[in-house]
Amino acid sequence: MNNINPKILPIFKSVFSEAKRTAKNLQLSKQRLSSHLPFTGIDLTDSDLLDRLDAFRARFTDLQDILGRKVFGTVLLLEAEEKGSMIDILNQMEKRLIIKDVAEWITVRELRNKFTHDYPEEESTRLKSLQLGYDKIDYLLNIVRAVEEYVNKRMSQ
């Protein structure tokens, strides 16, 4: 465990466990919605489908938030680094190859904000936002895998 702060390890394990659980649920949403692609032609009066879309939206939002607000900062603390501003944290995650591009993360964050704060009333705009989110599921799931690989590698050094 070279350069890993042992006091932070239980905190990391807890927040990362939350991220993995949420990622698993988001993967389930992806599977449940795959037969409805593309979203542009779906019927938003179907209550079962609306439930699946709402679950997807909540899981997407939760995972993006857990990663950005909890996991990334805890990775830095695990390595005894200061967290700094959000852009500093994102730059550190890019440096560690956990995220590939800060700009793409910011785009996904803006989409998450649309789901949370500005969920559009107009059906076509809502469907377009949902499709964009669906298309970014693998992006978020890959980040969860990248965090796990990165921390496991650091702990084995």
N, C-alpha and C. Protein backbone atom coordinates (compact mmCIF):
# COMPACT_ATOMS: atom_id res chain seq x y z
N MET A 1 0.84 -1.19 0.00
CA MET A 1 0.00 0.00 0.00
C MET A 1 0.88 1.25 0.00
N ASN A 2 1.75 1.32 -0.93
CA ASN A 2 2.66 2.45 -1.06
C ASN A 2 1.89 3.74 -1.32
N ASN A 3 2.09 4.74 -0.49
CA ASN A 3 1.49 6.06 -0.64
C ASN A 3 -0.04 6.08 -0.54
N ILE A 4 -0.62 5.11 0.13
CA ILE A 4 -2.06 5.10 0.36
C ILE A 4 -2.28 5.42 1.84
N ASN A 5 -3.14 6.38 2.10
CA ASN A 5 -3.45 6.77 3.47
C ASN A 5 -4.41 5.73 4.07
N PRO A 6 -3.94 4.93 5.03
CA PRO A 6 -4.79 3.85 5.57
C PRO A 6 -6.02 4.37 6.32
N LYS A 7 -5.97 5.61 6.80
CA LYS A 7 -7.12 6.17 7.50
C LYS A 7 -8.27 6.49 6.54
N ILE A 8 -7.94 6.76 5.30
CA ILE A 8 -8.94 7.12 4.29
C ILE A 8 -9.50 5.89 3.59
N LEU A 9 -8.77 4.78 3.64
CA LEU A 9 -9.20 3.58 2.93
C LEU A 9 -10.63 3.13 3.27
N PRO A 10 -11.04 3.09 4.53
CA PRO A 10 -12.44 2.69 4.81
C PRO A 10 -13.46 3.68 4.22
N ILE A 11 -13.11 4.95 4.20
CA ILE A 11 -14.00 5.95 3.60
C ILE A 11 -14.12 5.71 2.11
N PHE A 12 -12.96 5.48 1.47
CA PHE A 12 -12.98 5.19 0.03
C PHE A 12 -13.82 3.95 -0.25
N LYS A 13 -13.60 2.90 0.51
CA LYS A 13 -14.34 1.65 0.28
C LYS A 13 -15.84 1.89 0.40
N SER A 14 -16.25 2.70 1.35
CA SER A 14 -17.67 2.98 1.54
C SER A 14 -18.26 3.76 0.37
N VAL A 15 -17.60 4.85 -0.04
CA VAL A 15 -18.16 5.64 -1.14
C VAL A 15 -18.06 4.89 -2.46
N PHE A 16 -17.01 4.09 -2.62
CA PHE A 16 -16.88 3.35 -3.86
C PHE A 16 -17.90 2.21 -3.93
N SER A 17 -18.21 1.63 -2.79
CA SER A 17 -19.26 0.61 -2.74
C SER A 17 -20.59 1.21 -3.18
N GLU A 18 -20.87 2.42 -2.75
CA GLU A 18 -22.08 3.12 -3.16
C GLU A 18 -22.08 3.35 -4.68
N ALA A 19 -20.93 3.74 -5.21
CA ALA A 19 -20.81 3.97 -6.66
C ALA A 19 -21.02 2.67 -7.43
N LYS A 20 -20.44 1.58 -6.96
CA LYS A 20 -20.59 0.30 -7.66
C LYS A 20 -22.03 -0.20 -7.62
N ARG A 21 -22.68 -0.02 -6.51
CA ARG A 21 -24.10 -0.42 -6.38
C ARG A 21 -24.97 0.39 -7.35
N THR A 22 -24.71 1.69 -7.41
CA THR A 22 -25.46 2.56 -8.32
C THR A 22 -25.15 2.22 -9.77
N ALA A 23 -23.90 1.91 -10.07
CA ALA A 23 -23.51 1.52 -11.43
C ALA A 23 -24.22 0.24 -11.84
N LYS A 24 -24.32 -0.70 -10.92
CA LYS A 24 -25.02 -1.95 -11.21
C LYS A 24 -26.49 -1.67 -11.54
N ASN A 25 -27.11 -0.79 -10.78
CA ASN A 25 -28.51 -0.44 -11.04
C ASN A 25 -28.67 0.32 -12.36
N LEU A 26 -27.70 1.16 -12.69
CA LEU A 26 -27.75 1.88 -13.97
C LEU A 26 -27.60 0.90 -15.12
N GLN A 27 -26.75 -0.09 -14.96
CA GLN A 27 -26.60 -1.13 -15.98
C GLN A 27 -27.92 -1.86 -16.18
N LEU A 28 -28.63 -2.11 -15.10
CA LEU A 28 -29.95 -2.75 -15.18
C LEU A 28 -30.92 -1.86 -15.96
N SER A 29 -30.90 -0.56 -15.69
CA SER A 29 -31.76 0.37 -16.44
C SER A 29 -31.41 0.34 -17.92
N LYS A 30 -30.14 0.26 -18.22
CA LYS A 30 -29.71 0.21 -19.62
C LYS A 30 -30.32 -1.01 -20.32
N GLN A 31 -30.26 -2.15 -19.65
CA GLN A 31 -30.82 -3.37 -20.23
C GLN A 31 -32.33 -3.27 -20.40
N ARG A 32 -33.00 -2.70 -19.41
CA ARG A 32 -34.46 -2.61 -19.45
C ARG A 32 -34.97 -1.64 -20.53
N LEU A 33 -34.13 -0.68 -20.90
CA LEU A 33 -34.55 0.31 -21.88
C LEU A 33 -34.05 0.01 -23.30
N SER A 34 -33.16 -0.96 -23.44
CA SER A 34 -32.52 -1.20 -24.74
C SER A 34 -33.52 -1.52 -25.85
N SER A 35 -34.63 -2.14 -25.52
CA SER A 35 -35.60 -2.49 -26.56
C SER A 35 -36.44 -1.29 -27.01
N HIS A 36 -36.27 -0.16 -26.35
CA HIS A 36 -37.05 1.05 -26.69
C HIS A 36 -36.22 2.08 -27.47
N LEU A 37 -35.03 1.68 -27.90
CA LEU A 37 -34.16 2.62 -28.63
C LEU A 37 -34.59 2.75 -30.08
N PRO A 38 -34.37 3.86 -30.72
CA PRO A 38 -34.04 5.14 -30.09
C PRO A 38 -35.26 5.72 -29.37
N PHE A 39 -35.00 6.57 -28.42
CA PHE A 39 -36.07 7.13 -27.60
C PHE A 39 -36.97 8.11 -28.37
N THR A 40 -36.54 8.54 -29.53
CA THR A 40 -37.29 9.58 -30.25
C THR A 40 -38.72 9.19 -30.57
N GLY A 41 -39.01 7.89 -30.69
CA GLY A 41 -40.35 7.49 -31.08
C GLY A 41 -41.14 6.80 -29.99
N ILE A 42 -40.72 6.89 -28.76
CA ILE A 42 -41.42 6.14 -27.71
C ILE A 42 -42.65 6.90 -27.20
N ASP A 43 -43.53 6.15 -26.58
CA ASP A 43 -44.80 6.68 -26.08
C ASP A 43 -44.64 7.04 -24.60
N LEU A 44 -44.68 8.33 -24.31
CA LEU A 44 -44.50 8.78 -22.93
C LEU A 44 -45.79 8.71 -22.11
N THR A 45 -46.81 8.08 -22.67
CA THR A 45 -48.02 7.85 -21.87
C THR A 45 -48.03 6.44 -21.28
N ASP A 46 -47.07 5.61 -21.67
CA ASP A 46 -46.93 4.24 -21.15
C ASP A 46 -46.34 4.33 -19.74
N SER A 47 -47.15 4.04 -18.73
CA SER A 47 -46.70 4.24 -17.33
C SER A 47 -45.56 3.32 -16.95
N ASP A 48 -45.52 2.09 -17.46
CA ASP A 48 -44.40 1.19 -17.15
C ASP A 48 -43.09 1.72 -17.73
N LEU A 49 -43.16 2.20 -18.96
CA LEU A 49 -41.98 2.78 -19.59
C LEU A 49 -41.54 4.05 -18.86
N LEU A 50 -42.49 4.87 -18.46
CA LEU A 50 -42.15 6.08 -17.70
C LEU A 50 -41.44 5.74 -16.40
N ASP A 51 -41.89 4.68 -15.74
CA ASP A 51 -41.21 4.24 -14.52
C ASP A 51 -39.77 3.84 -14.81
N ARG A 52 -39.57 3.11 -15.89
CA ARG A 52 -38.20 2.70 -16.26
C ARG A 52 -37.34 3.89 -16.62
N LEU A 53 -37.92 4.86 -17.34
CA LEU A 53 -37.17 6.07 -17.70
C LEU A 53 -36.83 6.90 -16.46
N ASP A 54 -37.77 7.00 -15.53
CA ASP A 54 -37.50 7.74 -14.30
C ASP A 54 -36.43 7.06 -13.47
N ALA A 55 -36.45 5.73 -13.40
CA ALA A 55 -35.40 5.00 -12.68
C ALA A 55 -34.05 5.24 -13.33
N PHE A 56 -34.03 5.18 -14.67
CA PHE A 56 -32.78 5.45 -15.39
C PHE A 56 -32.26 6.85 -15.08
N ARG A 57 -33.15 7.82 -15.17
CA ARG A 57 -32.75 9.22 -14.94
C ARG A 57 -32.19 9.40 -13.54
N ALA A 58 -32.83 8.82 -12.54
CA ALA A 58 -32.36 8.92 -11.16
C ALA A 58 -31.02 8.22 -10.98
N ARG A 59 -30.87 7.05 -11.56
CA ARG A 59 -29.62 6.30 -11.42
C ARG A 59 -28.46 6.99 -12.13
N PHE A 60 -28.72 7.51 -13.31
CA PHE A 60 -27.70 8.26 -14.05
C PHE A 60 -27.24 9.46 -13.21
N THR A 61 -28.21 10.21 -12.72
CA THR A 61 -27.92 11.39 -11.91
C THR A 61 -27.15 11.02 -10.66
N ASP A 62 -27.59 9.96 -9.99
CA ASP A 62 -26.92 9.53 -8.75
C ASP A 62 -25.48 9.11 -9.01
N LEU A 63 -25.25 8.32 -10.05
CA LEU A 63 -23.89 7.85 -10.31
C LEU A 63 -22.97 9.01 -10.68
N GLN A 64 -23.43 9.90 -11.53
CA GLN A 64 -22.59 11.03 -11.90
C GLN A 64 -22.25 11.86 -10.65
N ASP A 65 -23.22 12.04 -9.80
CA ASP A 65 -23.03 12.83 -8.59
C ASP A 65 -22.10 12.14 -7.60
N ILE A 66 -22.28 10.85 -7.39
CA ILE A 66 -21.42 10.10 -6.46
C ILE A 66 -19.97 10.14 -6.93
N LEU A 67 -19.76 9.93 -8.22
CA LEU A 67 -18.39 9.96 -8.74
C LEU A 67 -17.77 11.34 -8.55
N GLY A 68 -18.48 12.37 -8.98
CA GLY A 68 -17.93 13.72 -8.93
C GLY A 68 -17.80 14.30 -7.54
N ARG A 69 -18.79 14.05 -6.70
CA ARG A 69 -18.82 14.66 -5.38
C ARG A 69 -18.08 13.85 -4.32
N LYS A 70 -18.06 12.53 -4.48
CA LYS A 70 -17.49 11.69 -3.43
C LYS A 70 -16.25 10.91 -3.86
N VAL A 71 -16.37 10.13 -4.91
CA VAL A 71 -15.31 9.19 -5.27
C VAL A 71 -14.03 9.90 -5.69
N PHE A 72 -14.14 10.87 -6.60
CA PHE A 72 -12.93 11.53 -7.10
C PHE A 72 -12.13 12.18 -5.98
N GLY A 73 -12.81 12.92 -5.12
CA GLY A 73 -12.13 13.57 -4.01
C GLY A 73 -11.52 12.58 -3.05
N THR A 74 -12.20 11.47 -2.82
CA THR A 74 -11.69 10.46 -1.91
C THR A 74 -10.46 9.76 -2.49
N VAL A 75 -10.41 9.60 -3.80
CA VAL A 75 -9.20 9.05 -4.43
C VAL A 75 -8.01 9.96 -4.12
N LEU A 76 -8.21 11.26 -4.23
CA LEU A 76 -7.12 12.19 -3.92
C LEU A 76 -6.72 12.11 -2.46
N LEU A 77 -7.70 12.07 -1.57
CA LEU A 77 -7.40 11.97 -0.14
C LEU A 77 -6.69 10.65 0.18
N LEU A 78 -7.06 9.61 -0.51
CA LEU A 78 -6.42 8.30 -0.34
C LEU A 78 -4.93 8.39 -0.63
N GLU A 79 -4.58 9.27 -1.56
CA GLU A 79 -3.18 9.47 -1.92
C GLU A 79 -2.56 10.66 -1.19
N ALA A 80 -3.28 11.13 -0.15
CA ALA A 80 -2.82 12.24 0.70
C ALA A 80 -2.61 13.52 -0.11
N GLU A 81 -3.48 13.74 -1.09
CA GLU A 81 -3.44 14.98 -1.86
C GLU A 81 -4.64 15.82 -1.48
N GLU A 82 -4.47 17.13 -1.59
CA GLU A 82 -5.60 18.02 -1.31
C GLU A 82 -6.57 18.00 -2.47
N LYS A 83 -7.84 18.16 -2.13
CA LYS A 83 -8.88 18.08 -3.17
C LYS A 83 -8.91 19.31 -4.06
N GLY A 84 -8.86 20.49 -3.52
CA GLY A 84 -8.92 21.70 -4.33
C GLY A 84 -10.30 21.92 -4.92
N SER A 85 -10.37 22.75 -5.96
CA SER A 85 -11.64 23.06 -6.63
C SER A 85 -12.06 21.87 -7.49
N MET A 86 -13.29 21.91 -7.94
CA MET A 86 -13.80 20.82 -8.79
C MET A 86 -12.97 20.67 -10.05
N ILE A 87 -12.59 21.77 -10.66
CA ILE A 87 -11.79 21.68 -11.88
C ILE A 87 -10.41 21.08 -11.57
N ASP A 88 -9.86 21.38 -10.40
CA ASP A 88 -8.59 20.77 -9.98
C ASP A 88 -8.75 19.26 -9.82
N ILE A 89 -9.84 18.86 -9.19
CA ILE A 89 -10.12 17.44 -9.00
C ILE A 89 -10.25 16.74 -10.36
N LEU A 90 -11.00 17.35 -11.27
CA LEU A 90 -11.18 16.75 -12.60
C LEU A 90 -9.86 16.65 -13.35
N ASN A 91 -9.05 17.68 -13.24
CA ASN A 91 -7.73 17.63 -13.89
C ASN A 91 -6.88 16.50 -13.32
N GLN A 92 -6.98 16.28 -12.01
CA GLN A 92 -6.24 15.17 -11.38
C GLN A 92 -6.78 13.81 -11.85
N MET A 93 -8.09 13.72 -12.03
CA MET A 93 -8.66 12.46 -12.52
C MET A 93 -8.23 12.20 -13.96
N GLU A 94 -8.14 13.25 -14.75
CA GLU A 94 -7.67 13.11 -16.13
C GLU A 94 -6.20 12.70 -16.13
N LYS A 95 -5.41 13.29 -15.27
CA LYS A 95 -3.99 12.95 -15.16
C LYS A 95 -3.80 11.48 -14.79
N ARG A 96 -4.69 10.96 -13.97
CA ARG A 96 -4.63 9.56 -13.54
C ARG A 96 -5.31 8.61 -14.53
N LEU A 97 -5.82 9.15 -15.62
CA LEU A 97 -6.51 8.39 -16.68
C LEU A 97 -7.81 7.75 -16.18
N ILE A 98 -8.38 8.33 -15.13
CA ILE A 98 -9.68 7.86 -14.64
C ILE A 98 -10.78 8.43 -15.53
N ILE A 99 -10.64 9.69 -15.91
CA ILE A 99 -11.48 10.25 -16.97
C ILE A 99 -10.55 10.60 -18.13
N LYS A 100 -11.10 10.51 -19.33
CA LYS A 100 -10.27 10.75 -20.51
C LYS A 100 -10.17 12.23 -20.86
N ASP A 101 -11.25 12.97 -20.51
CA ASP A 101 -11.30 14.35 -20.95
C ASP A 101 -12.19 15.15 -19.99
N VAL A 102 -11.65 16.20 -19.41
CA VAL A 102 -12.40 17.04 -18.48
C VAL A 102 -13.63 17.62 -19.16
N ALA A 103 -13.49 18.05 -20.41
CA ALA A 103 -14.62 18.66 -21.13
C ALA A 103 -15.78 17.68 -21.27
N GLU A 104 -15.48 16.41 -21.52
CA GLU A 104 -16.55 15.41 -21.64
C GLU A 104 -17.25 15.22 -20.29
N TRP A 105 -16.47 15.19 -19.20
CA TRP A 105 -17.08 15.08 -17.88
C TRP A 105 -18.03 16.26 -17.63
N ILE A 106 -17.59 17.45 -17.99
CA ILE A 106 -18.42 18.64 -17.78
C ILE A 106 -19.70 18.54 -18.59
N THR A 107 -19.62 18.02 -19.82
CA THR A 107 -20.81 17.82 -20.65
C THR A 107 -21.79 16.86 -19.97
N VAL A 108 -21.27 15.77 -19.41
CA VAL A 108 -22.12 14.81 -18.71
C VAL A 108 -22.69 15.44 -17.45
N ARG A 109 -21.91 16.26 -16.78
CA ARG A 109 -22.41 16.96 -15.59
C ARG A 109 -23.57 17.90 -15.97
N GLU A 110 -23.43 18.60 -17.08
CA GLU A 110 -24.50 19.49 -17.54
C GLU A 110 -25.76 18.70 -17.88
N LEU A 111 -25.60 17.53 -18.48
CA LEU A 111 -26.74 16.67 -18.77
C LEU A 111 -27.40 16.22 -17.47
N ARG A 112 -26.61 15.86 -16.50
CA ARG A 112 -27.12 15.48 -15.18
C ARG A 112 -27.93 16.63 -14.58
N ASN A 113 -27.42 17.85 -14.72
CA ASN A 113 -28.13 19.02 -14.21
C ASN A 113 -29.48 19.21 -14.92
N LYS A 114 -29.50 18.93 -16.20
CA LYS A 114 -30.77 19.01 -16.95
C LYS A 114 -31.77 18.00 -16.39
N PHE A 115 -31.30 16.80 -16.09
CA PHE A 115 -32.18 15.78 -15.53
C PHE A 115 -32.70 16.20 -14.16
N THR A 116 -31.89 16.90 -13.40
CA THR A 116 -32.24 17.24 -12.03
C THR A 116 -33.02 18.54 -11.93
N HIS A 117 -32.56 19.58 -12.63
CA HIS A 117 -33.11 20.91 -12.42
C HIS A 117 -33.97 21.43 -13.57
N ASP A 118 -33.59 21.11 -14.78
CA ASP A 118 -34.25 21.70 -15.94
C ASP A 118 -34.92 20.65 -16.82
N TYR A 119 -35.47 19.63 -16.20
CA TYR A 119 -36.06 18.55 -17.00
C TYR A 119 -37.12 19.15 -17.92
N PRO A 120 -36.91 19.07 -19.23
CA PRO A 120 -37.76 19.79 -20.18
C PRO A 120 -39.20 19.31 -20.20
N GLU A 121 -40.08 20.26 -20.40
CA GLU A 121 -41.51 19.95 -20.52
C GLU A 121 -41.83 19.40 -21.91
N GLU A 122 -41.22 19.97 -22.92
CA GLU A 122 -41.53 19.57 -24.29
C GLU A 122 -41.04 18.14 -24.52
N GLU A 123 -41.94 17.30 -24.99
CA GLU A 123 -41.66 15.87 -25.13
C GLU A 123 -40.43 15.59 -25.99
N SER A 124 -40.30 16.23 -27.13
CA SER A 124 -39.16 15.93 -28.02
C SER A 124 -37.84 16.33 -27.37
N THR A 125 -37.82 17.43 -26.63
CA THR A 125 -36.61 17.86 -25.94
C THR A 125 -36.27 16.89 -24.81
N ARG A 126 -37.29 16.45 -24.10
CA ARG A 126 -37.10 15.48 -23.01
C ARG A 126 -36.53 14.17 -23.55
N LEU A 127 -37.09 13.69 -24.65
CA LEU A 127 -36.62 12.45 -25.25
C LEU A 127 -35.18 12.58 -25.75
N LYS A 128 -34.87 13.73 -26.31
CA LYS A 128 -33.50 13.96 -26.78
C LYS A 128 -32.52 13.93 -25.60
N SER A 129 -32.88 14.57 -24.48
CA SER A 129 -32.03 14.55 -23.29
C SER A 129 -31.87 13.14 -22.75
N LEU A 130 -32.96 12.39 -22.72
CA LEU A 130 -32.89 11.00 -22.24
C LEU A 130 -31.99 10.15 -23.14
N GLN A 131 -32.08 10.38 -24.45
CA GLN A 131 -31.23 9.63 -25.38
C GLN A 131 -29.76 9.98 -25.16
N LEU A 132 -29.47 11.27 -24.98
CA LEU A 132 -28.09 11.68 -24.71
C LEU A 132 -27.56 11.02 -23.43
N GLY A 133 -28.40 10.96 -22.41
CA GLY A 133 -28.01 10.30 -21.16
C GLY A 133 -27.79 8.82 -21.36
N TYR A 134 -28.70 8.19 -22.07
CA TYR A 134 -28.56 6.75 -22.34
C TYR A 134 -27.23 6.48 -23.06
N ASP A 135 -26.92 7.34 -24.00
CA ASP A 135 -25.68 7.18 -24.77
C ASP A 135 -24.43 7.37 -23.92
N LYS A 136 -24.55 7.96 -22.74
CA LYS A 136 -23.41 8.18 -21.85
C LYS A 136 -23.33 7.19 -20.70
N ILE A 137 -24.23 6.21 -20.68
CA ILE A 137 -24.18 5.21 -19.60
C ILE A 137 -22.83 4.51 -19.57
N ASP A 138 -22.37 4.02 -20.70
CA ASP A 138 -21.09 3.30 -20.72
C ASP A 138 -19.93 4.19 -20.28
N TYR A 139 -20.01 5.47 -20.61
CA TYR A 139 -18.99 6.42 -20.16
C TYR A 139 -18.88 6.39 -18.64
N LEU A 140 -20.01 6.49 -17.95
CA LEU A 140 -19.99 6.47 -16.49
C LEU A 140 -19.56 5.11 -15.94
N LEU A 141 -20.04 4.04 -16.54
CA LEU A 141 -19.65 2.70 -16.08
C LEU A 141 -18.16 2.47 -16.27
N ASN A 142 -17.60 2.98 -17.35
CA ASN A 142 -16.16 2.84 -17.58
C ASN A 142 -15.35 3.63 -16.55
N ILE A 143 -15.87 4.74 -16.08
CA ILE A 143 -15.18 5.50 -15.04
C ILE A 143 -15.14 4.71 -13.74
N VAL A 144 -16.23 4.05 -13.41
CA VAL A 144 -16.24 3.21 -12.21
C VAL A 144 -15.16 2.13 -12.32
N ARG A 145 -15.07 1.48 -13.48
CA ARG A 145 -14.02 0.47 -13.69
C ARG A 145 -12.63 1.09 -13.61
N ALA A 146 -12.46 2.27 -14.17
CA ALA A 146 -11.15 2.93 -14.16
C ALA A 146 -10.72 3.28 -12.73
N VAL A 147 -11.65 3.73 -11.92
CA VAL A 147 -11.33 4.04 -10.51
C VAL A 147 -10.89 2.76 -9.81
N GLU A 148 -11.63 1.70 -10.01
CA GLU A 148 -11.30 0.43 -9.34
C GLU A 148 -9.92 -0.06 -9.77
N GLU A 149 -9.65 -0.04 -11.06
CA GLU A 149 -8.34 -0.47 -11.56
C GLU A 149 -7.22 0.41 -11.02
N TYR A 150 -7.45 1.70 -11.02
CA TYR A 150 -6.43 2.64 -10.55
C TYR A 150 -6.11 2.39 -9.08
N VAL A 151 -7.12 2.30 -8.24
CA VAL A 151 -6.88 2.12 -6.80
C VAL A 151 -6.27 0.75 -6.52
N ASN A 152 -6.74 -0.29 -7.20
CA ASN A 152 -6.15 -1.62 -7.00
C ASN A 152 -4.68 -1.61 -7.38
N LYS A 153 -4.35 -0.95 -8.46
CA LYS A 153 -2.95 -0.87 -8.90
C LYS A 153 -2.11 -0.11 -7.87
N ARG A 154 -2.63 0.99 -7.36
CA ARG A 154 -1.91 1.80 -6.37
C ARG A 154 -1.68 1.01 -5.07
N MET A 155 -2.67 0.21 -4.70
CA MET A 155 -2.56 -0.56 -3.46
C MET A 155 -1.57 -1.72 -3.59
N SER A 156 -1.36 -2.18 -4.79
CA SER A 156 -0.44 -3.32 -4.98
C SER A 156 0.99 -2.88 -5.18
N GLN A 157 1.22 -1.60 -5.28
CA GLN A 157 2.61 -1.11 -5.49
C GLN A 157 3.39 -1.12 -4.21
